[in-house]
Amino acid sequence: MSEQIHTLDARGLNCPLPILRTKKTIAGMQSGEILEITATDPGSVKDLDSFCSQTGHEMLSSQQSDGEFIFRIRKA
């Protein structure tokens, strides 16, 4: 069985839009599904880390490449 992976393109969006779109997208997902977010706002690193800590979602990975931040979050 393959994992359901959703994607969110938040490139070019500034705070607070990346986190707001993340919250909205995750709300429509089932527990255990994964959301992959691509953002360009450096503030999204701290915002998404805090979001996961507060909500219980699991930050699977967080990386930076060519000015983009890529996150993978598993919904609690």
C-alpha atoms as a PDB file:
ATOM      1  CA  MET A   1       0.000   0.000   0.000  1.00  0.00           C
ATOM      2  CA  SER A   2       1.497   3.352  -1.014  1.00  0.00           C
ATOM      3  CA  GLU A   3       1.272   6.449   1.123  1.00  0.00           C
ATOM      4  CA  GLN A   4      -1.024   9.241  -0.014  1.00  0.00           C
ATOM      5  CA  ILE A   5       1.131  12.314  -0.672  1.00  0.00           C
ATOM      6  CA  HIS A   6      -0.372  15.764  -1.170  1.00  0.00           C
ATOM      7  CA  THR A   7       1.628  18.721  -2.449  1.00  0.00           C
ATOM      8  CA  LEU A   8       1.410  22.419  -1.672  1.00  0.00           C
ATOM      9  CA  ASP A   9       3.246  25.018  -3.743  1.00  0.00           C
ATOM     10  CA  ALA A  10       3.776  28.027  -1.468  1.00  0.00           C
ATOM     11  CA  ARG A  11       6.608  29.531  -3.519  1.00  0.00           C
ATOM     12  CA  GLY A  12       6.441  33.310  -3.727  1.00  0.00           C
ATOM     13  CA  LEU A  13       4.088  33.573  -0.738  1.00  0.00           C
ATOM     14  CA  ASN A  14       5.155  35.532   2.335  1.00  0.00           C
ATOM     15  CA  CYS A  15       4.229  35.032   5.967  1.00  0.00           C
ATOM     16  CA  PRO A  16       1.582  34.178   7.046  1.00  0.00           C
ATOM     17  CA  LEU A  17       0.293  32.660   3.777  1.00  0.00           C
ATOM     18  CA  PRO A  18       2.481  29.495   3.704  1.00  0.00           C
ATOM     19  CA  ILE A  19       1.349  28.427   7.176  1.00  0.00           C
ATOM     20  CA  LEU A  20      -2.293  29.361   6.522  1.00  0.00           C
ATOM     21  CA  ARG A  21      -2.363  27.326   3.310  1.00  0.00           C
ATOM     22  CA  THR A  22      -0.655  24.440   5.116  1.00  0.00           C
ATOM     23  CA  LYS A  23      -3.322  24.452   7.849  1.00  0.00           C
ATOM     24  CA  LYS A  24      -6.119  24.512   5.259  1.00  0.00           C
ATOM     25  CA  THR A  25      -4.606  21.683   3.203  1.00  0.00           C
ATOM     26  CA  ILE A  26      -3.907  19.443   6.217  1.00  0.00           C
ATOM     27  CA  ALA A  27      -7.469  19.979   7.478  1.00  0.00           C
ATOM     28  CA  GLY A  28      -8.734  18.224   4.340  1.00  0.00           C
ATOM     29  CA  MET A  29      -6.392  15.262   4.661  1.00  0.00           C
ATOM     30  CA  GLN A  30      -6.765  11.918   6.448  1.00  0.00           C
ATOM     31  CA  SER A  31      -4.593  10.899   9.395  1.00  0.00           C
ATOM     32  CA  GLY A  32      -1.278   9.379   8.243  1.00  0.00           C
ATOM     33  CA  GLU A  33      -1.242  11.129   4.863  1.00  0.00           C
ATOM     34  CA  ILE A  34       1.776  13.231   3.936  1.00  0.00           C
ATOM     35  CA  LEU A  35       1.918  16.837   2.803  1.00  0.00           C
ATOM     36  CA  GLU A  36       4.950  18.036   0.849  1.00  0.00           C
ATOM     37  CA  ILE A  37       5.292  21.823   0.935  1.00  0.00           C
ATOM     38  CA  THR A  38       7.624  23.899  -1.216  1.00  0.00           C
ATOM     39  CA  ALA A  39       8.129  27.468   0.025  1.00  0.00           C
ATOM     40  CA  THR A  40      10.507  30.364  -0.585  1.00  0.00           C
ATOM     41  CA  ASP A  41       9.801  32.354   2.606  1.00  0.00           C
ATOM     42  CA  PRO A  42      12.653  31.729   5.111  1.00  0.00           C
ATOM     43  CA  GLY A  43      10.173  32.312   7.950  1.00  0.00           C
ATOM     44  CA  SER A  44       8.316  29.171   6.961  1.00  0.00           C
ATOM     45  CA  VAL A  45      11.082  27.047   8.530  1.00  0.00           C
ATOM     46  CA  LYS A  46      10.298  28.303  12.041  1.00  0.00           C
ATOM     47  CA  ASP A  47       6.557  28.599  11.371  1.00  0.00           C
ATOM     48  CA  LEU A  48       6.107  25.018  10.161  1.00  0.00           C
ATOM     49  CA  ASP A  49       8.302  23.609  12.935  1.00  0.00           C
ATOM     50  CA  SER A  50       6.162  25.410  15.517  1.00  0.00           C
ATOM     51  CA  PHE A  51       2.988  24.319  13.738  1.00  0.00           C
ATOM     52  CA  CYS A  52       3.997  20.647  13.984  1.00  0.00           C
ATOM     53  CA  SER A  53       4.987  20.993  17.647  1.00  0.00           C
ATOM     54  CA  GLN A  54       1.649  22.594  18.525  1.00  0.00           C
ATOM     55  CA  THR A  55      -0.594  20.272  16.502  1.00  0.00           C
ATOM     56  CA  GLY A  56       1.132  16.901  16.897  1.00  0.00           C
ATOM     57  CA  HIS A  57       1.781  16.457  13.170  1.00  0.00           C
ATOM     58  CA  GLU A  58       5.143  14.819  12.386  1.00  0.00           C
ATOM     59  CA  MET A  59       7.815  16.775  10.506  1.00  0.00           C
ATOM     60  CA  LEU A  60       9.353  14.008   8.400  1.00  0.00           C
ATOM     61  CA  SER A  61      11.927  16.216   6.692  1.00  0.00           C
ATOM     62  CA  SER A  62      12.930  19.822   6.224  1.00  0.00           C
ATOM     63  CA  GLN A  63      15.552  20.825   3.690  1.00  0.00           C
ATOM     64  CA  GLN A  64      16.752  23.808   1.695  1.00  0.00           C
ATOM     65  CA  SER A  65      17.781  23.722  -1.948  1.00  0.00           C
ATOM     66  CA  ASP A  66      18.380  26.618  -4.344  1.00  0.00           C
ATOM     67  CA  GLY A  67      16.464  29.146  -2.237  1.00  0.00           C
ATOM     68  CA  GLU A  68      13.512  26.815  -1.732  1.00  0.00           C
ATOM     69  CA  PHE A  69      12.464  25.121   1.473  1.00  0.00           C
ATOM     70  CA  ILE A  70      10.929  21.662   1.158  1.00  0.00           C
ATOM     71  CA  PHE A  71       8.987  20.116   4.029  1.00  0.00           C
ATOM     72  CA  ARG A  72       7.291  16.756   4.432  1.00  0.00           C
ATOM     73  CA  ILE A  73       4.686  16.540   7.182  1.00  0.00           C
ATOM     74  CA  ARG A  74       2.649  13.491   8.224  1.00  0.00           C
ATOM     75  CA  LYS A  75      -0.814  14.367   9.514  1.00  0.00           C
ATOM     76  CA  ALA A  76      -1.453  13.180  13.058  1.00  0.00           C
END
